[in-house]
């Protein structure tokens, strides 16, 4: 209990830190996708996300694919951690 008032006093809570790290990971993913797409490798083919959406190998397409992929899977894992921690802790 002594940690909770301290966290509120500094303005940093666990949830905010996790969300900030999640957004940073997504931003880095988008940047790397854009860099790979802008290099213009010749043999890149279109990629499909979950069989629903096809992304072309352009800077915007690869950035969106990276954000969608990492965001979905990492977000699902984080959501599972939240559900389990609320249920069992």
PDB file of N, CA and C in Angstrom:
ATOM      1  N   UNK A   1       0.807  -1.197   0.000  1.00  0.00           N
ATOM      2  CA  UNK A   1       0.000   0.000   0.000  1.00  0.00           C
ATOM      3  C   UNK A   1       0.848   1.259   0.000  1.00  0.00           C
ATOM      4  N   UNK A   2       2.053   1.177   0.534  1.00  0.00           N
ATOM      5  CA  UNK A   2       2.883   2.372   0.585  1.00  0.00           C
ATOM      6  C   UNK A   2       3.359   2.799  -0.798  1.00  0.00           C
ATOM      7  N   UNK A   3       3.355   1.889  -1.768  1.00  0.00           N
ATOM      8  CA  UNK A   3       3.813   2.233  -3.113  1.00  0.00           C
ATOM      9  C   UNK A   3       2.763   3.011  -3.890  1.00  0.00           C
ATOM     10  N   UNK A   4       1.497   2.750  -3.626  1.00  0.00           N
ATOM     11  CA  UNK A   4       0.438   3.386  -4.409  1.00  0.00           C
ATOM     12  C   UNK A   4       0.413   4.909  -4.246  1.00  0.00           C
ATOM     13  N   UNK A   5       0.442   5.467  -3.022  1.00  0.00           N
ATOM     14  CA  UNK A   5       0.480   6.934  -2.918  1.00  0.00           C
ATOM     15  C   UNK A   5       1.737   7.526  -3.536  1.00  0.00           C
ATOM     16  N   UNK A   6       2.839   6.811  -3.442  1.00  0.00           N
ATOM     17  CA  UNK A   6       4.076   7.294  -4.030  1.00  0.00           C
ATOM     18  C   UNK A   6       3.968   7.361  -5.551  1.00  0.00           C
ATOM     19  N   UNK A   7       3.342   6.368  -6.154  1.00  0.00           N
ATOM     20  CA  UNK A   7       3.175   6.358  -7.606  1.00  0.00           C
ATOM     21  C   UNK A   7       2.273   7.495  -8.048  1.00  0.00           C
ATOM     22  N   UNK A   8       1.230   7.761  -7.294  1.00  0.00           N
ATOM     23  CA  UNK A   8       0.335   8.860  -7.661  1.00  0.00           C
ATOM     24  C   UNK A   8       1.012  10.214  -7.485  1.00  0.00           C
ATOM     25  N   UNK A   9       1.898  10.315  -6.521  1.00  0.00           N
ATOM     26  CA  UNK A   9       2.587  11.580  -6.298  1.00  0.00           C
ATOM     27  C   UNK A   9       3.521  11.906  -7.457  1.00  0.00           C
ATOM     28  N   UNK A  10       4.157  10.901  -8.029  1.00  0.00           N
ATOM     29  CA  UNK A  10       5.071  11.148  -9.139  1.00  0.00           C
ATOM     30  C   UNK A  10       4.356  11.173 -10.482  1.00  0.00           C
ATOM     31  N   UNK A  11       3.114  10.702 -10.526  1.00  0.00           N
ATOM     32  CA  UNK A  11       2.359  10.708 -11.772  1.00  0.00           C
ATOM     33  C   UNK A  11       2.584   9.486 -12.636  1.00  0.00           C
ATOM     34  N   UNK A  12       3.345   8.523 -12.155  1.00  0.00           N
ATOM     35  CA  UNK A  12       3.599   7.305 -12.919  1.00  0.00           C
ATOM     36  C   UNK A  12       2.899   6.137 -12.248  1.00  0.00           C
ATOM     37  N   UNK A  13       2.000   5.519 -12.970  1.00  0.00           N
ATOM     38  CA  UNK A  13       1.389   4.296 -12.468  1.00  0.00           C
ATOM     39  C   UNK A  13       1.779   3.164 -13.405  1.00  0.00           C
ATOM     40  N   UNK A  14       1.585   1.951 -12.960  1.00  0.00           N
ATOM     41  CA  UNK A  14       1.958   0.796 -13.767  1.00  0.00           C
ATOM     42  C   UNK A  14       1.242   0.764 -15.100  1.00  0.00           C
ATOM     43  N   UNK A  15      -0.052   1.101 -15.086  1.00  0.00           N
ATOM     44  CA  UNK A  15      -0.830   1.074 -16.326  1.00  0.00           C
ATOM     45  C   UNK A  15      -0.305   2.081 -17.339  1.00  0.00           C
ATOM     46  N   UNK A  16       0.027   3.256 -16.881  1.00  0.00           N
ATOM     47  CA  UNK A  16       0.521   4.290 -17.804  1.00  0.00           C
ATOM     48  C   UNK A  16       1.867   3.910 -18.405  1.00  0.00           C
ATOM     49  N   UNK A  17       2.708   3.311 -17.609  1.00  0.00           N
ATOM     50  CA  UNK A  17       4.021   2.894 -18.100  1.00  0.00           C
ATOM     51  C   UNK A  17       3.863   1.815 -19.165  1.00  0.00           C
ATOM     52  N   UNK A  18       2.991   0.841 -18.911  1.00  0.00           N
ATOM     53  CA  UNK A  18       2.774  -0.243 -19.871  1.00  0.00           C
ATOM     54  C   UNK A  18       2.184   0.297 -21.167  1.00  0.00           C
ATOM     55  N   UNK A  19       1.209   1.187 -21.068  1.00  0.00           N
ATOM     56  CA  UNK A  19       0.608   1.774 -22.276  1.00  0.00           C
ATOM     57  C   UNK A  19       1.646   2.592 -23.037  1.00  0.00           C
ATOM     58  N   UNK A  20       2.485   3.333 -22.319  1.00  0.00           N
ATOM     59  CA  UNK A  20       3.531   4.117 -22.978  1.00  0.00           C
ATOM     60  C   UNK A  20       4.522   3.206 -23.702  1.00  0.00           C
ATOM     61  N   UNK A  21       4.934   2.122 -23.061  1.00  0.00           N
ATOM     62  CA  UNK A  21       5.846   1.176 -23.711  1.00  0.00           C
ATOM     63  C   UNK A  21       5.194   0.525 -24.925  1.00  0.00           C
ATOM     64  N   UNK A  22       3.914   0.206 -24.822  1.00  0.00           N
ATOM     65  CA  UNK A  22       3.167  -0.384 -25.939  1.00  0.00           C
ATOM     66  C   UNK A  22       3.157   0.573 -27.125  1.00  0.00           C
ATOM     67  N   UNK A  23       2.894   1.836 -26.874  1.00  0.00           N
ATOM     68  CA  UNK A  23       2.866   2.828 -27.952  1.00  0.00           C
ATOM     69  C   UNK A  23       4.257   3.056 -28.545  1.00  0.00           C
ATOM     70  N   UNK A  24       5.277   3.012 -27.711  1.00  0.00           N
ATOM     71  CA  UNK A  24       6.647   3.156 -28.213  1.00  0.00           C
ATOM     72  C   UNK A  24       7.009   1.984 -29.122  1.00  0.00           C
ATOM     73  N   UNK A  25       6.640   0.774 -28.716  1.00  0.00           N
ATOM     74  CA  UNK A  25       6.907  -0.412 -29.544  1.00  0.00           C
ATOM     75  C   UNK A  25       6.183  -0.290 -30.880  1.00  0.00           C
ATOM     76  N   UNK A  26       4.938   0.181 -30.860  1.00  0.00           N
ATOM     77  CA  UNK A  26       4.195   0.352 -32.110  1.00  0.00           C
ATOM     78  C   UNK A  26       4.830   1.419 -33.002  1.00  0.00           C
ATOM     79  N   UNK A  27       5.314   2.498 -32.403  1.00  0.00           N
ATOM     80  CA  UNK A  27       5.958   3.550 -33.189  1.00  0.00           C
ATOM     81  C   UNK A  27       7.250   3.039 -33.834  1.00  0.00           C
ATOM     82  N   UNK A  28       8.036   2.285 -33.079  1.00  0.00           N
ATOM     83  CA  UNK A  28       9.271   1.718 -33.631  1.00  0.00           C
ATOM     84  C   UNK A  28       8.946   0.727 -34.742  1.00  0.00           C
ATOM     85  N   UNK A  29       7.889  -0.057 -34.543  1.00  0.00           N
ATOM     86  CA  UNK A  29       7.465  -1.012 -35.571  1.00  0.00           C
ATOM     87  C   UNK A  29       7.070  -0.295 -36.852  1.00  0.00           C
ATOM     88  N   UNK A  30       6.305   0.781 -36.725  1.00  0.00           N
ATOM     89  CA  UNK A  30       5.897   1.549 -37.901  1.00  0.00           C
ATOM     90  C   UNK A  30       7.111   2.152 -38.602  1.00  0.00           C
ATOM     91  N   UNK A  31       8.044   2.663 -37.826  1.00  0.00           N
ATOM     92  CA  UNK A  31       9.257   3.248 -38.403  1.00  0.00           C
ATOM     93  C   UNK A  31      10.071   2.200 -39.156  1.00  0.00           C
ATOM     94  N   UNK A  32      10.238   1.034 -38.564  1.00  0.00           N
ATOM     95  CA  UNK A  32      11.008  -0.019 -39.236  1.00  0.00           C
ATOM     96  C   UNK A  32      10.295  -0.504 -40.496  1.00  0.00           C
ATOM     97  N   UNK A  33       8.975  -0.619 -40.450  1.00  0.00           N
ATOM     98  CA  UNK A  33       8.229  -1.006 -41.647  1.00  0.00           C
ATOM     99  C   UNK A  33       8.379   0.018 -42.752  1.00  0.00           C
ATOM    100  N   UNK A  34       8.330   1.294 -42.380  1.00  0.00           N
ATOM    101  CA  UNK A  34       8.494   2.353 -43.371  1.00  0.00           C
ATOM    102  C   UNK A  34       9.904   2.347 -43.960  1.00  0.00           C
ATOM    103  N   UNK A  35      10.897   2.087 -43.133  1.00  0.00           N
ATOM    104  CA  UNK A  35      12.278   2.033 -43.627  1.00  0.00           C
ATOM    105  C   UNK A  35      12.453   0.864 -44.590  1.00  0.00           C
ATOM    106  N   UNK A  36      11.941  -0.298 -44.208  1.00  0.00           N
ATOM    107  CA  UNK A  36      12.058  -1.465 -45.089  1.00  0.00           C
ATOM    108  C   UNK A  36      11.319  -1.219 -46.397  1.00  0.00           C
ATOM    109  N   UNK A  37      10.139  -0.602 -46.322  1.00  0.00           N
ATOM    110  CA  UNK A  37       9.382  -0.309 -47.536  1.00  0.00           C
ATOM    111  C   UNK A  37      10.046   0.734 -48.409  1.00  0.00           C
ATOM    112  N   UNK A  38      10.726   1.693 -47.796  1.00  0.00           N
ATOM    113  CA  UNK A  38      11.355   2.750 -48.585  1.00  0.00           C
ATOM    114  C   UNK A  38      12.662   2.300 -49.232  1.00  0.00           C
ATOM    115  N   UNK A  39      13.266   1.256 -48.709  1.00  0.00           N
ATOM    116  CA  UNK A  39      14.485   0.734 -49.330  1.00  0.00           C
ATOM    117  C   UNK A  39      14.181   0.238 -50.731  1.00  0.00           C
ATOM    118  N   UNK A  40      12.978  -0.280 -50.910  1.00  0.00           N
ATOM    119  CA  UNK A  40      12.556  -0.699 -52.238  1.00  0.00           C
ATOM    120  C   UNK A  40      13.171  -1.993 -52.703  1.00  0.00           C
ATOM    121  N   UNK A  41      13.205  -2.966 -51.841  1.00  0.00           N
ATOM    122  CA  UNK A  41      13.713  -4.277 -52.239  1.00  0.00           C
ATOM    123  C   UNK A  41      12.855  -4.824 -53.375  1.00  0.00           C
ATOM    124  N   UNK A  42      13.471  -5.465 -54.325  1.00  0.00           N
ATOM    125  CA  UNK A  42      12.780  -5.851 -55.561  1.00  0.00           C
ATOM    126  C   UNK A  42      11.848  -7.044 -55.397  1.00  0.00           C
ATOM    127  N   UNK A  43      12.197  -7.990 -54.568  1.00  0.00           N
ATOM    128  CA  UNK A  43      11.444  -9.238 -54.519  1.00  0.00           C
ATOM    129  C   UNK A  43      10.382  -9.278 -53.424  1.00  0.00           C
ATOM    130  N   UNK A  44      10.025  -8.147 -52.864  1.00  0.00           N
ATOM    131  CA  UNK A  44       8.993  -8.150 -51.832  1.00  0.00           C
ATOM    132  C   UNK A  44       7.627  -8.376 -52.459  1.00  0.00           C
ATOM    133  N   UNK A  45       6.844  -9.220 -51.828  1.00  0.00           N
ATOM    134  CA  UNK A  45       5.483  -9.482 -52.289  1.00  0.00           C
ATOM    135  C   UNK A  45       4.506  -8.905 -51.279  1.00  0.00           C
ATOM    136  N   UNK A  46       3.263  -8.774 -51.684  1.00  0.00           N
ATOM    137  CA  UNK A  46       2.227  -8.288 -50.779  1.00  0.00           C
ATOM    138  C   UNK A  46       2.068  -9.268 -49.616  1.00  0.00           C
ATOM    139  N   UNK A  47       1.808  -8.728 -48.431  1.00  0.00           N
ATOM    140  CA  UNK A  47       1.630  -9.555 -47.238  1.00  0.00           C
ATOM    141  C   UNK A  47       0.185  -9.456 -46.776  1.00  0.00           C
ATOM    142  N   UNK A  48      -0.304 -10.538 -46.199  1.00  0.00           N
ATOM    143  CA  UNK A  48      -1.690 -10.590 -45.752  1.00  0.00           C
ATOM    144  C   UNK A  48      -1.728 -10.706 -44.240  1.00  0.00           C
ATOM    145  N   UNK A  49      -2.589  -9.929 -43.622  1.00  0.00           N
ATOM    146  CA  UNK A  49      -2.764  -9.943 -42.174  1.00  0.00           C
ATOM    147  C   UNK A  49      -4.007 -10.751 -41.830  1.00  0.00           C
ATOM    148  N   UNK A  50      -3.802 -11.884 -41.184  1.00  0.00           N
ATOM    149  CA  UNK A  50      -4.873 -12.786 -40.748  1.00  0.00           C
ATOM    150  C   UNK A  50      -5.794 -13.220 -41.883  1.00  0.00           C
ATOM    151  N   UNK A  51      -5.320 -13.155 -43.099  1.00  0.00           N
ATOM    152  CA  UNK A  51      -6.129 -13.549 -44.240  1.00  0.00           C
ATOM    153  C   UNK A  51      -7.243 -12.575 -44.569  1.00  0.00           C
ATOM    154  N   UNK A  52      -7.234 -11.414 -43.949  1.00  0.00           N
ATOM    155  CA  UNK A  52      -8.310 -10.439 -44.136  1.00  0.00           C
ATOM    156  C   UNK A  52      -7.902  -9.238 -44.970  1.00  0.00           C
ATOM    157  N   UNK A  53      -6.728  -8.716 -44.705  1.00  0.00           N
ATOM    158  CA  UNK A  53      -6.270  -7.484 -45.348  1.00  0.00           C
ATOM    159  C   UNK A  53      -4.924  -7.754 -46.006  1.00  0.00           C
ATOM    160  N   UNK A  54      -4.764  -7.277 -47.223  1.00  0.00           N
ATOM    161  CA  UNK A  54      -3.497  -7.420 -47.932  1.00  0.00           C
ATOM    162  C   UNK A  54      -2.794  -6.069 -47.976  1.00  0.00           C
ATOM    163  N   UNK A  55      -1.536  -6.064 -47.572  1.00  0.00           N
ATOM    164  CA  UNK A  55      -0.733  -4.847 -47.572  1.00  0.00           C
ATOM    165  C   UNK A  55       0.311  -4.948 -48.676  1.00  0.00           C
ATOM    166  N   UNK A  56       0.417  -3.909 -49.475  1.00  0.00           N
ATOM    167  CA  UNK A  56       1.417  -3.852 -50.534  1.00  0.00           C
ATOM    168  C   UNK A  56       2.772  -3.467 -49.929  1.00  0.00           C
ATOM    169  N   UNK A  57       3.874  -3.869 -50.556  1.00  0.00           N
ATOM    170  CA  UNK A  57       5.201  -3.577 -50.011  1.00  0.00           C
ATOM    171  C   UNK A  57       5.651  -2.137 -50.271  1.00  0.00           C
ATOM    172  N   UNK A  58       4.876  -1.197 -49.801  1.00  0.00           N
ATOM    173  CA  UNK A  58       5.226   0.221 -49.850  1.00  0.00           C
ATOM    174  C   UNK A  58       5.589   0.654 -48.434  1.00  0.00           C
ATOM    175  N   UNK A  59       6.188   1.815 -48.259  1.00  0.00           N
ATOM    176  CA  UNK A  59       6.492   2.258 -46.895  1.00  0.00           C
ATOM    177  C   UNK A  59       5.249   2.315 -46.000  1.00  0.00           C
ATOM    178  N   UNK A  60       4.172   2.871 -46.513  1.00  0.00           N
ATOM    179  CA  UNK A  60       2.945   2.949 -45.719  1.00  0.00           C
ATOM    180  C   UNK A  60       2.346   1.565 -45.483  1.00  0.00           C
ATOM    181  N   UNK A  61       2.360   0.725 -46.501  1.00  0.00           N
ATOM    182  CA  UNK A  61       1.799  -0.614 -46.373  1.00  0.00           C
ATOM    183  C   UNK A  61       2.537  -1.471 -45.364  1.00  0.00           C
ATOM    184  N   UNK A  62       3.868  -1.446 -45.406  1.00  0.00           N
ATOM    185  CA  UNK A  62       4.638  -2.252 -44.464  1.00  0.00           C
ATOM    186  C   UNK A  62       4.585  -1.679 -43.052  1.00  0.00           C
ATOM    187  N   UNK A  63       4.504  -0.356 -42.927  1.00  0.00           N
ATOM    188  CA  UNK A  63       4.339   0.240 -41.602  1.00  0.00           C
ATOM    189  C   UNK A  63       2.991  -0.155 -41.009  1.00  0.00           C
ATOM    190  N   UNK A  64       1.941  -0.094 -41.814  1.00  0.00           N
ATOM    191  CA  UNK A  64       0.610  -0.478 -41.336  1.00  0.00           C
ATOM    192  C   UNK A  64       0.554  -1.962 -40.998  1.00  0.00           C
ATOM    193  N   UNK A  65       1.200  -2.789 -41.800  1.00  0.00           N
ATOM    194  CA  UNK A  65       1.233  -4.226 -41.520  1.00  0.00           C
ATOM    195  C   UNK A  65       1.938  -4.506 -40.194  1.00  0.00           C
ATOM    196  N   UNK A  66       3.065  -3.854 -39.976  1.00  0.00           N
ATOM    197  CA  UNK A  66       3.791  -4.049 -38.721  1.00  0.00           C
ATOM    198  C   UNK A  66       2.994  -3.613 -37.515  1.00  0.00           C
ATOM    199  N   UNK A  67       2.357  -2.452 -37.618  1.00  0.00           N
ATOM    200  CA  UNK A  67       1.550  -1.953 -36.504  1.00  0.00           C
ATOM    201  C   UNK A  67       0.355  -2.867 -36.254  1.00  0.00           C
ATOM    202  N   UNK A  68      -0.299  -3.315 -37.315  1.00  0.00           N
ATOM    203  CA  UNK A  68      -1.455  -4.204 -37.149  1.00  0.00           C
ATOM    204  C   UNK A  68      -1.040  -5.535 -36.531  1.00  0.00           C
ATOM    205  N   UNK A  69       0.059  -6.090 -36.998  1.00  0.00           N
ATOM    206  CA  UNK A  69       0.503  -7.391 -36.494  1.00  0.00           C
ATOM    207  C   UNK A  69       0.966  -7.306 -35.045  1.00  0.00           C
ATOM    208  N   UNK A  70       1.909  -6.432 -34.784  1.00  0.00           N
ATOM    209  CA  UNK A  70       2.454  -6.312 -33.430  1.00  0.00           C
ATOM    210  C   UNK A  70       1.391  -5.780 -32.478  1.00  0.00           C
ATOM    211  N   UNK A  71       0.612  -4.815 -32.930  1.00  0.00           N
ATOM    212  CA  UNK A  71      -0.443  -4.266 -32.081  1.00  0.00           C
ATOM    213  C   UNK A  71      -1.474  -5.296 -31.685  1.00  0.00           C
ATOM    214  N   UNK A  72      -1.875  -6.128 -32.626  1.00  0.00           N
ATOM    215  CA  UNK A  72      -2.876  -7.149 -32.325  1.00  0.00           C
ATOM    216  C   UNK A  72      -2.333  -8.206 -31.374  1.00  0.00           C
ATOM    217  N   UNK A  73      -1.190  -8.758 -31.692  1.00  0.00           N
ATOM    218  CA  UNK A  73      -0.674  -9.854 -30.876  1.00  0.00           C
ATOM    219  C   UNK A  73      -0.158  -9.380 -29.519  1.00  0.00           C
ATOM    220  N   UNK A  74       0.565  -8.271 -29.476  1.00  0.00           N
ATOM    221  CA  UNK A  74       1.040  -7.759 -28.197  1.00  0.00           C
ATOM    222  C   UNK A  74      -0.126  -7.241 -27.364  1.00  0.00           C
ATOM    223  N   UNK A  75      -1.084  -6.592 -28.013  1.00  0.00           N
ATOM    224  CA  UNK A  75      -2.273  -6.121 -27.300  1.00  0.00           C
ATOM    225  C   UNK A  75      -3.078  -7.263 -26.714  1.00  0.00           C
ATOM    226  N   UNK A  76      -3.187  -8.366 -27.444  1.00  0.00           N
ATOM    227  CA  UNK A  76      -3.897  -9.539 -26.932  1.00  0.00           C
ATOM    228  C   UNK A  76      -3.180 -10.115 -25.717  1.00  0.00           C
ATOM    229  N   UNK A  77      -1.864 -10.201 -25.781  1.00  0.00           N
ATOM    230  CA  UNK A  77      -1.105 -10.704 -24.635  1.00  0.00           C
ATOM    231  C   UNK A  77      -1.259  -9.793 -23.421  1.00  0.00           C
ATOM    232  N   UNK A  78      -1.198  -8.493 -23.633  1.00  0.00           N
ATOM    233  CA  UNK A  78      -1.366  -7.562 -22.519  1.00  0.00           C
ATOM    234  C   UNK A  78      -2.767  -7.652 -21.932  1.00  0.00           C
ATOM    235  N   UNK A  79      -3.764  -7.808 -22.777  1.00  0.00           N
ATOM    236  CA  UNK A  79      -5.139  -7.958 -22.303  1.00  0.00           C
ATOM    237  C   UNK A  79      -5.291  -9.228 -21.472  1.00  0.00           C
ATOM    238  N   UNK A  80      -4.676 -10.312 -21.906  1.00  0.00           N
ATOM    239  CA  UNK A  80      -4.720 -11.550 -21.128  1.00  0.00           C
ATOM    240  C   UNK A  80      -4.051 -11.385 -19.769  1.00  0.00           C
ATOM    241  N   UNK A  81      -2.953 -10.670 -19.717  1.00  0.00           N
ATOM    242  CA  UNK A  81      -2.273 -10.418 -18.445  1.00  0.00           C
ATOM    243  C   UNK A  81      -3.178  -9.621 -17.515  1.00  0.00           C
ATOM    244  N   UNK A  82      -3.863  -8.621 -18.037  1.00  0.00           N
ATOM    245  CA  UNK A  82      -4.765  -7.814 -17.216  1.00  0.00           C
ATOM    246  C   UNK A  82      -5.904  -8.669 -16.676  1.00  0.00           C
ATOM    247  N   UNK A  83      -6.510  -9.480 -17.539  1.00  0.00           N
ATOM    248  CA  UNK A  83      -7.632 -10.321 -17.113  1.00  0.00           C
ATOM    249  C   UNK A  83      -7.187 -11.313 -16.043  1.00  0.00           C
ATOM    250  N   UNK A  84      -6.069 -11.970 -16.268  1.00  0.00           N
ATOM    251  CA  UNK A  84      -5.587 -12.953 -15.295  1.00  0.00           C
ATOM    252  C   UNK A  84      -5.201 -12.279 -13.987  1.00  0.00           C
ATOM    253  N   UNK A  85      -4.539 -11.135 -14.056  1.00  0.00           N
ATOM    254  CA  UNK A  85      -4.117 -10.467 -12.824  1.00  0.00           C
ATOM    255  C   UNK A  85      -5.311  -9.960 -12.025  1.00  0.00           C
ATOM    256  N   UNK A  86      -6.362  -9.515 -12.677  1.00  0.00           N
ATOM    257  CA  UNK A  86      -7.555  -9.067 -11.943  1.00  0.00           C
ATOM    258  C   UNK A  86      -8.315 -10.245 -11.346  1.00  0.00           C
ATOM    259  N   UNK A  87      -8.255 -11.368 -12.006  1.00  0.00           N
ATOM    260  CA  UNK A  87      -9.017 -12.520 -11.528  1.00  0.00           C
ATOM    261  C   UNK A  87      -8.309 -13.250 -10.392  1.00  0.00           C
ATOM    262  N   UNK A  88      -6.996 -13.374 -10.471  1.00  0.00           N
ATOM    263  CA  UNK A  88      -6.274 -14.205  -9.513  1.00  0.00           C
ATOM    264  C   UNK A  88      -5.419 -13.436  -8.515  1.00  0.00           C
ATOM    265  N   UNK A  89      -5.315 -12.156  -8.643  1.00  0.00           N
ATOM    266  CA  UNK A  89      -4.484 -11.394  -7.695  1.00  0.00           C
ATOM    267  C   UNK A  89      -5.347 -10.476  -6.883  1.00  0.00           C
TER     268      UNK A  89
END
